[in-house]
Protein backbone atom coordinates (compact mmCIF):
# COMPACT_ATOMS: atom_id res chain seq x y z
CA MET A 1 0.00 0.00 0.00
CA ASN A 2 1.19 3.52 -0.78
CA ALA A 3 1.01 6.57 1.45
CA LEU A 4 -1.85 8.97 0.87
CA LYS A 5 -2.09 12.72 1.08
CA GLY A 6 -5.07 14.44 2.60
CA ILE A 7 -6.20 17.66 4.19
CA VAL A 8 -7.93 18.66 7.40
CA LYS A 9 -11.29 20.29 6.67
CA ASN A 10 -13.78 21.19 9.38
CA ARG A 11 -11.64 19.27 11.86
CA GLN A 12 -11.91 16.07 9.80
CA ILE A 13 -9.32 14.42 7.57
CA VAL A 14 -10.36 14.28 3.92
CA VAL A 15 -8.54 11.61 1.91
CA GLU A 16 -9.18 9.81 -1.37
CA VAL A 17 -8.67 6.13 -0.58
CA PRO A 18 -7.74 3.66 -3.35
CA THR A 19 -10.43 1.09 -4.14
CA ASP A 20 -8.08 -1.81 -3.35
CA TRP A 21 -7.86 -0.85 0.32
CA PRO A 22 -10.21 -3.15 2.21
CA GLU A 23 -12.96 -1.71 4.39
CA GLY A 24 -11.82 -1.57 8.01
CA CYS A 25 -8.07 -1.66 7.33
CA GLU A 26 -5.96 0.19 9.90
CA VAL A 27 -4.12 3.36 8.90
CA VAL A 28 -1.62 5.63 10.61
CA ILE A 29 -2.17 9.37 10.27
CA GLU A 30 0.35 11.99 11.34
CA PRO A 31 0.77 15.66 10.47
CA VAL A 32 3.41 16.72 8.00
CA ASN A 33 5.65 19.41 9.43
CA GLU A 34 7.15 21.18 6.41
CA LEU A 35 9.70 23.06 8.52
CA LYS A 36 10.93 19.78 9.99
CA ASP A 37 11.42 18.41 6.48
CA MET A 38 13.73 21.36 5.80
CA GLY A 39 15.66 20.84 9.03
CA ASP A 40 14.72 24.27 10.42
CA ASP A 41 13.41 23.11 13.77
CA GLU A 42 15.95 20.45 14.57
CA GLY A 43 18.73 22.72 15.79
CA PRO A 44 22.23 22.94 14.34
CA MET A 45 23.43 20.41 11.79
CA THR A 46 25.37 17.43 13.05
CA GLU A 47 28.93 16.84 11.93
CA GLU A 48 27.69 13.99 9.70
CA GLU A 49 25.04 16.23 8.09
CA ILE A 50 27.68 18.88 7.40
CA LYS A 51 29.94 16.29 5.79
CA THR A 52 27.05 15.07 3.62
CA VAL A 53 26.19 18.60 2.47
CA LEU A 54 29.83 19.45 1.72
CA ALA A 55 30.26 16.22 -0.25
CA ALA A 56 27.16 17.07 -2.29
CA MET A 57 28.46 20.58 -2.92
CA ASP A 58 31.77 19.16 -4.15
CA GLN A 59 29.82 17.32 -6.87
CA ILE A 60 28.43 20.56 -8.35
CA GLU A 61 30.15 21.62 -11.54
CA PRO A 62 31.41 25.21 -11.50
CA LEU A 63 29.63 27.74 -13.68
CA LEU A 64 31.81 28.54 -16.64
CA MET A 65 30.89 31.36 -19.00
CA THR A 66 32.28 32.13 -22.39
CA PRO A 67 33.87 35.58 -22.70
CA LYS A 68 30.78 36.70 -24.64
CA GLU A 69 28.42 35.44 -21.92
CA GLU A 70 30.51 37.09 -19.20
CA ALA A 71 30.52 40.41 -21.08
CA GLN A 72 26.72 40.23 -21.47
CA TRP A 73 26.31 39.39 -17.78
CA LYS A 74 28.47 42.36 -16.75
CA ALA A 75 26.56 44.66 -19.12
CA ASP A 76 23.27 43.46 -17.62
CA LEU A 77 24.59 44.11 -14.11
CA ARG A 78 25.64 47.66 -15.08
CA SER A 79 22.26 48.28 -16.68
CA GLN A 80 20.41 47.03 -13.59
CA ARG A 81 22.61 49.14 -11.30
CA GLU A 82 21.98 52.25 -13.41
CA HIS A 83 18.23 51.58 -13.37
CA ASP A 84 18.25 51.07 -9.60
CA MET A 85 20.15 54.32 -9.06
CA ALA A 86 17.89 56.27 -11.45
CA THR A 87 14.69 55.06 -9.76
CA PHE A 88 15.90 55.05 -6.15
CA GLU A 89 14.23 58.31 -5.08
CA GLU A 90 10.90 57.30 -6.63
CA ARG A 91 10.94 53.89 -4.94
CA ALA A 92 12.03 55.44 -1.62
CA GLU A 93 9.10 57.89 -1.76
CA LYS A 94 6.65 55.06 -2.42
CA LEU A 95 7.98 53.15 0.57
CA LYS A 96 7.85 56.27 2.73
CA ARG A 97 4.17 56.80 1.81
CA ILE A 98 3.39 53.18 2.68
CA TRP A 99 4.77 53.59 6.20
CA GLU A 100 3.16 56.97 6.90
């Protein structure tokens, strides 16, 4: 049998059950804690977890750009910086009005 996903609605669990599950079969239901899945509520990483993450990072290929791609990237950065500087006062005024 495969795990099922469901939702809580009006304090009841709503689940589509496959037709091959016999009537009266026992099931285990537990909440899914999305933060726990990401490791956010389990405290600092263990030494073993750190080693695992570092080993995975070592497998990532470095980003290599051709000279043409790098030149385009730098030009795009300059353009974005110029736009940000040119519109800074306008954006700052909008934010100021929001907080007034």
